[in-house]
């Protein structure tokens, strides 16, 4: 466990994977934190169960399989209107254009159709990274720096 002096965590919110890190005052280096599976690269993916209210994020989501219930690539469509997006023919999830022209994901969750905006999926990934950091550090995290590189 790192010393309880960490001021903020750092997150690289990636399109396919994300990383959470913290400055280690003992070694004077950045330390990339690991999840319970000892992984530093966390999948930017969410899986929604159709039969109950549970959902999974990261590696646990991928373990459920890639299909209609698994949302990935959400960062690619953040802030874009539906007509601005190049649709990937390999996407396995359902999506559509919302009333305001934005891109939304559609899944069956807890026996209901649910829609999620790309920002909501990224929020779930960020929450998972915060959870990993708090478990690793042994204290609540209240400050964070997020990098989010946009490719053209």
Foldseek 3Di string as FASTA:
>chain_A
DADLPWQAWEKEQEQFWIWIWTQRPVVRDIDTFAAPVRDGTWGLKKFADQQAQDIDGTPVRCVVPAAQRMDGRLLVQPPHFPVVDDDDPPHRHDWDGDPVRGIWTWHRHNNRIDIDHSVVSSVVVVVVNQVRVCVVSVHHHDHYHYHYDDDD
